[in-house]
């Protein structure tokens, strides 16, 4: 079992660029980092090669987050075209950098039923995977992120079904534990999630973890807060240790690597033989 922990983006303690951030991750005793393309894919191919080399030297596992402005179920064909371009560019830079997966907020229902959205998304995902193969991408995975908002495609069941139906080793779930907690209206059964994932026979799970806030009505919403509330991390860590999963857990907490180190401490308190490598 290997556990990879690190922040979404540059650690707060780092100064400078992505390369400096990777080196700081190593110094902190962490071993993962997600490259964040929040608004645009800002990294060119040459820099991606350099980033990949430094990550390899420092034994830091990389993943990527595609830009947020993506909707593969939009009614506007221009939005779909631009969404595909953003995803493909994220996949290409991730491939060059040696990242293993790209997290994608794939779609809103956009007035479609769940079934209609599923069919439209499947068609567009297949097109993206075909284009990625034609451009020589062999390793990077398209990670469909589980989403918290009811307006977004991305329940766990929807994503597992799409991954099964597409049946490609290059399409995987990207589990956001906080989002599943929100979508479950303040409830999550970690063991049940892992049980459902068994059907995909994954050799590694990519995921995000953060705590979430409540709105004025007392409902949990997709607003990220530090890891000292809900959902609880310790039961997840215990489930991972029990099941001996290989997993990456990226901190999407506002305090980034501080909460990655907190997660590391929790793992070590449960089982000090857990490998971070």
Protein backbone atom coordinates (compact mmCIF):
# COMPACT_ATOMS: atom_id res chain seq x y z
CA UNK A 1 0.00 0.00 0.00
CA UNK A 2 1.26 3.45 -0.95
CA UNK A 3 -0.29 6.74 0.10
CA UNK A 4 0.50 9.97 -1.75
CA UNK A 5 -0.29 13.23 0.02
CA UNK A 6 0.13 16.82 -1.09
CA UNK A 7 -1.63 20.09 -1.95
CA UNK A 8 -3.74 21.36 -4.81
CA UNK A 9 -1.27 23.82 -6.32
CA UNK A 10 1.90 25.31 -4.91
CA UNK A 11 2.38 24.87 -1.17
CA UNK A 12 1.88 28.08 0.76
CA UNK A 13 5.41 27.75 2.15
CA UNK A 14 7.01 27.83 -1.29
CA UNK A 15 8.27 30.85 -3.16
CA UNK A 16 8.35 30.93 -6.91
CA UNK A 17 7.13 28.57 -9.60
CA UNK A 18 5.96 24.97 -9.94
CA UNK A 19 9.50 23.61 -9.76
CA UNK A 20 10.14 25.43 -6.49
CA UNK A 21 6.82 24.09 -5.22
CA UNK A 22 7.79 20.49 -5.98
CA UNK A 23 11.08 20.88 -4.13
CA UNK A 24 9.24 22.33 -1.13
CA UNK A 25 6.86 19.36 -1.16
CA UNK A 26 9.86 17.07 -0.80
CA UNK A 27 11.30 19.20 2.02
CA UNK A 28 8.00 19.01 3.90
CA UNK A 29 7.95 15.22 3.79
CA UNK A 30 5.02 15.04 1.37
CA UNK A 31 5.01 13.22 -1.96
CA UNK A 32 2.28 14.55 -4.25
CA UNK A 33 1.12 17.77 -5.88
CA UNK A 34 -1.71 18.69 -8.20
CA UNK A 35 -0.90 21.27 -10.87
CA UNK A 36 -3.82 23.71 -10.95
CA UNK A 37 -5.02 25.10 -14.27
CA UNK A 38 -7.90 27.01 -12.70
CA UNK A 39 -8.57 29.53 -15.48
CA UNK A 40 -6.27 28.41 -18.26
CA UNK A 41 -3.50 25.95 -19.09
CA UNK A 42 -0.60 28.28 -18.38
CA UNK A 43 2.26 25.79 -18.73
CA UNK A 44 4.03 25.17 -22.04
CA UNK A 45 5.54 21.87 -23.18
CA UNK A 46 9.14 22.80 -22.42
CA UNK A 47 8.30 23.80 -18.85
CA UNK A 48 6.22 20.64 -18.46
CA UNK A 49 9.29 18.55 -19.33
CA UNK A 50 11.35 20.40 -16.72
CA UNK A 51 8.59 20.02 -14.12
CA UNK A 52 8.36 16.31 -14.82
CA UNK A 53 12.09 15.83 -14.41
CA UNK A 54 12.19 17.67 -11.08
CA UNK A 55 9.15 15.71 -9.83
CA UNK A 56 10.85 12.45 -10.75
CA UNK A 57 14.08 13.46 -9.01
CA UNK A 58 12.18 14.42 -5.86
CA UNK A 59 9.80 11.42 -5.96
CA UNK A 60 6.72 13.63 -6.07
CA UNK A 61 3.66 12.16 -7.82
CA UNK A 62 1.96 14.74 -10.03
CA UNK A 63 -1.63 15.14 -11.10
CA UNK A 64 -3.38 18.00 -12.88
CA UNK A 65 -6.64 19.89 -12.49
CA UNK A 66 -8.16 21.09 -15.76
CA UNK A 67 -9.62 24.62 -15.95
CA UNK A 68 -12.98 25.03 -14.22
CA UNK A 69 -14.75 26.59 -17.21
CA UNK A 70 -15.75 23.30 -18.82
CA UNK A 71 -19.21 22.01 -19.71
CA UNK A 72 -19.40 19.04 -22.06
CA UNK A 73 -23.21 19.10 -21.89
CA UNK A 74 -23.65 22.75 -22.81
CA UNK A 75 -26.37 23.77 -25.28
CA UNK A 76 -23.75 26.02 -26.90
CA UNK A 77 -21.56 24.09 -29.37
CA UNK A 78 -18.82 26.69 -28.94
CA UNK A 79 -18.64 25.96 -25.20
CA UNK A 80 -18.32 22.24 -25.90
CA UNK A 81 -15.59 22.83 -28.48
CA UNK A 82 -13.62 25.07 -26.11
CA UNK A 83 -14.16 22.62 -23.24
CA UNK A 84 -12.67 19.81 -25.30
CA UNK A 85 -9.69 21.99 -26.21
CA UNK A 86 -9.04 22.83 -22.54
CA UNK A 87 -9.23 19.18 -21.51
CA UNK A 88 -6.96 18.03 -24.33
CA UNK A 89 -4.40 20.70 -23.54
CA UNK A 90 -4.49 19.71 -19.86
CA UNK A 91 -4.02 16.06 -20.82
CA UNK A 92 -1.09 16.90 -23.10
CA UNK A 93 0.76 18.97 -20.50
CA UNK A 94 0.04 16.33 -17.88
CA UNK A 95 1.39 13.60 -20.17
CA UNK A 96 4.60 15.52 -20.81
CA UNK A 97 5.05 16.30 -17.10
CA UNK A 98 4.55 12.65 -16.16
CA UNK A 99 1.32 13.27 -14.24
CA UNK A 100 -0.92 10.26 -13.85
CA UNK A 101 -4.38 11.87 -14.14
CA UNK A 102 -6.25 15.09 -14.89
CA UNK A 103 -9.22 16.00 -12.70
CA UNK A 104 -12.09 17.39 -14.77
CA UNK A 105 -15.36 19.04 -13.71
CA UNK A 106 -17.02 17.56 -16.77
CA UNK A 107 -20.51 18.98 -17.08
CA UNK A 108 -23.67 20.61 -15.82
CA UNK A 109 -26.99 18.99 -16.65
CA UNK A 110 -27.87 22.17 -18.59
CA UNK A 111 -31.60 21.42 -18.64
CA UNK A 112 -31.09 17.80 -19.70
CA UNK A 113 -32.28 14.79 -17.78
CA UNK A 114 -29.59 12.69 -16.10
CA UNK A 115 -29.93 10.13 -18.90
CA UNK A 116 -29.68 12.73 -21.67
CA UNK A 117 -26.67 14.35 -20.01
CA UNK A 118 -25.05 10.94 -19.66
CA UNK A 119 -25.43 10.14 -23.37
CA UNK A 120 -24.11 13.54 -24.44
CA UNK A 121 -21.18 13.40 -22.05
CA UNK A 122 -20.27 9.86 -23.09
CA UNK A 123 -20.15 10.93 -26.75
CA UNK A 124 -17.89 13.89 -25.96
CA UNK A 125 -15.63 11.92 -23.63
CA UNK A 126 -15.09 9.26 -26.30
CA UNK A 127 -14.19 11.98 -28.79
CA UNK A 128 -11.64 13.46 -26.36
CA UNK A 129 -10.07 10.06 -25.68
CA UNK A 130 -9.82 9.36 -29.43
CA UNK A 131 -8.13 12.71 -30.03
CA UNK A 132 -5.76 12.14 -27.10
CA UNK A 133 -4.69 8.80 -28.57
CA UNK A 134 -4.23 10.34 -32.03
CA UNK A 135 -1.92 12.94 -30.47
CA UNK A 136 0.25 10.21 -28.96
CA UNK A 137 -0.89 10.38 -25.34
CA UNK A 138 -0.38 6.93 -23.86
CA UNK A 139 -0.24 7.31 -20.09
CA UNK A 140 -2.30 10.23 -18.79
CA UNK A 141 -5.80 9.46 -17.51
CA UNK A 142 -8.96 11.53 -17.90
CA UNK A 143 -10.29 11.80 -14.33
CA UNK A 144 -14.03 12.40 -14.01
CA UNK A 145 -14.40 14.24 -10.72
CA UNK A 146 -17.29 13.49 -8.38
CA UNK A 147 -19.25 16.70 -7.88
CA UNK A 148 -21.19 18.08 -4.93
CA UNK A 149 -23.82 20.28 -6.54
CA UNK A 150 -27.09 18.81 -7.78
CA UNK A 151 -26.79 20.91 -10.95
CA UNK A 152 -23.58 19.12 -11.94
CA UNK A 153 -23.10 15.73 -13.54
CA UNK A 154 -20.97 13.73 -11.16
CA UNK A 155 -22.64 11.44 -8.67
CA UNK A 156 -20.48 8.43 -7.83
CA UNK A 157 -22.90 6.07 -9.58
CA UNK A 158 -22.96 8.19 -12.76
CA UNK A 159 -19.19 8.32 -12.96
CA UNK A 160 -18.69 4.61 -12.29
CA UNK A 161 -21.27 3.77 -14.97
CA UNK A 162 -19.58 6.04 -17.52
CA UNK A 163 -16.15 4.59 -16.76
CA UNK A 164 -17.55 1.05 -17.15
CA UNK A 165 -19.39 1.81 -20.38
CA UNK A 166 -16.45 3.57 -22.00
CA UNK A 167 -14.22 0.71 -20.80
CA UNK A 168 -10.93 2.52 -21.24
CA UNK A 169 -7.95 2.40 -18.91
CA UNK A 170 -7.59 6.11 -19.68
CA UNK A 171 -10.94 7.10 -18.11
CA UNK A 172 -11.08 6.91 -14.31
CA UNK A 173 -13.03 8.38 -11.41
CA UNK A 174 -11.40 11.26 -9.54
CA UNK A 175 -12.98 11.02 -6.12
CA UNK A 176 -13.65 14.22 -4.20
CA UNK A 177 -14.60 13.06 -0.72
CA UNK A 178 -15.96 16.45 0.34
CA UNK A 179 -18.14 16.65 -2.78
CA UNK A 180 -19.58 13.20 -2.09
CA UNK A 181 -20.33 14.30 1.48
CA UNK A 182 -22.21 17.36 0.19
CA UNK A 183 -24.07 15.35 -2.44
CA UNK A 184 -24.99 12.88 0.30
CA UNK A 185 -26.52 15.75 2.28
CA UNK A 186 -23.98 15.55 5.08
CA UNK A 187 -23.43 11.79 5.02
CA UNK A 188 -20.73 9.57 3.57
CA UNK A 189 -19.91 5.90 4.02
CA UNK A 190 -16.29 5.51 2.94
CA UNK A 191 -16.48 1.73 2.88
CA UNK A 192 -19.49 1.84 0.58
CA UNK A 193 -17.61 4.12 -1.83
CA UNK A 194 -14.69 1.70 -2.00
CA UNK A 195 -17.07 -1.23 -2.44
CA UNK A 196 -18.71 0.49 -5.43
CA UNK A 197 -15.31 1.26 -6.97
CA UNK A 198 -14.31 -2.43 -6.93
CA UNK A 199 -16.11 -3.03 -10.21
CA UNK A 200 -13.58 -0.81 -12.01
CA UNK A 201 -10.59 -2.85 -10.76
CA UNK A 202 -8.48 0.25 -10.23
CA UNK A 203 -4.85 -0.17 -9.22
CA UNK A 204 -4.71 3.40 -7.89
CA UNK A 205 -7.30 5.92 -6.74
CA UNK A 206 -6.93 9.65 -7.31
CA UNK A 207 -8.81 11.87 -4.89
CA UNK A 208 -9.30 15.24 -3.22
CA UNK A 209 -10.07 15.87 0.42
CA UNK A 210 -11.32 18.98 2.18
CA UNK A 211 -13.90 19.88 4.78
CA UNK A 212 -17.01 21.81 3.77
CA UNK A 213 -19.11 24.54 5.31
CA UNK A 214 -22.83 24.97 5.98
CA UNK A 215 -25.10 27.61 4.49
CA UNK A 216 -27.59 29.72 6.48
CA UNK A 217 -30.15 26.91 6.29
CA UNK A 218 -27.71 24.51 7.95
CA UNK A 219 -27.08 22.52 4.77
CA UNK A 220 -23.57 21.38 3.82
CA UNK A 221 -22.42 23.11 0.63
CA UNK A 222 -19.36 23.01 -1.61
CA UNK A 223 -17.43 25.70 0.27
CA UNK A 224 -14.01 24.44 1.32
CA UNK A 225 -12.73 24.92 4.88
CA UNK A 226 -9.76 23.48 6.83
CA UNK A 227 -9.84 19.89 8.00
CA UNK A 228 -11.23 20.16 11.51
CA UNK A 229 -14.92 19.43 10.90
CA UNK A 230 -16.95 17.56 8.31
CA UNK A 231 -16.43 15.11 6.76
CA UNK A 232 -14.06 13.47 9.22
CA UNK A 233 -10.76 12.32 7.74
CA UNK A 234 -9.77 9.67 10.29
CA UNK A 235 -12.46 7.12 9.26
CA UNK A 236 -11.29 7.46 5.65
CA UNK A 237 -7.67 6.89 6.66
CA UNK A 238 -8.68 3.81 8.67
CA UNK A 239 -10.63 2.41 5.70
CA UNK A 240 -7.64 2.92 3.39
CA UNK A 241 -5.27 1.20 5.82
CA UNK A 242 -7.72 -1.67 6.32
CA UNK A 243 -8.20 -2.22 2.61
CA UNK A 244 -4.55 -1.52 1.69
CA UNK A 245 -5.40 0.76 -1.23
CA UNK A 246 -2.84 2.72 -3.23
CA UNK A 247 -4.23 6.24 -3.23
CA UNK A 248 -3.38 9.88 -3.87
CA UNK A 249 -5.15 12.37 -1.61
CA UNK A 250 -4.80 15.98 -2.69
CA UNK A 251 -5.63 18.61 -0.08
CA UNK A 252 -8.13 21.14 -1.40
CA UNK A 253 -8.29 22.75 2.01
CA UNK A 254 -7.65 26.52 2.08
CA UNK A 255 -4.51 25.76 4.09
CA UNK A 256 -3.20 23.28 1.53
CA UNK A 257 -0.03 21.52 2.74
CA UNK A 258 -0.80 22.22 6.40
CA UNK A 259 -3.77 19.90 6.09
CA UNK A 260 -1.77 17.45 3.97
CA UNK A 261 0.64 17.19 6.90
CA UNK A 262 -2.31 16.76 9.24
CA UNK A 263 -3.55 13.87 7.10
CA UNK A 264 -0.07 12.37 7.17
CA UNK A 265 -0.04 12.59 10.96
CA UNK A 266 -3.42 10.84 11.16
CA UNK A 267 -2.19 8.00 8.94
CA UNK A 268 0.91 7.60 11.09
CA UNK A 269 -1.18 7.52 14.28
CA UNK A 270 -3.25 4.69 12.80
CA UNK A 271 -0.37 2.69 11.37
CA UNK A 272 3.20 3.95 11.41
CA UNK A 273 4.17 1.52 8.66
CA UNK A 274 2.09 3.33 6.01
CA UNK A 275 4.43 4.12 3.12
CA UNK A 276 4.56 7.62 1.71
CA UNK A 277 6.61 6.92 -1.39
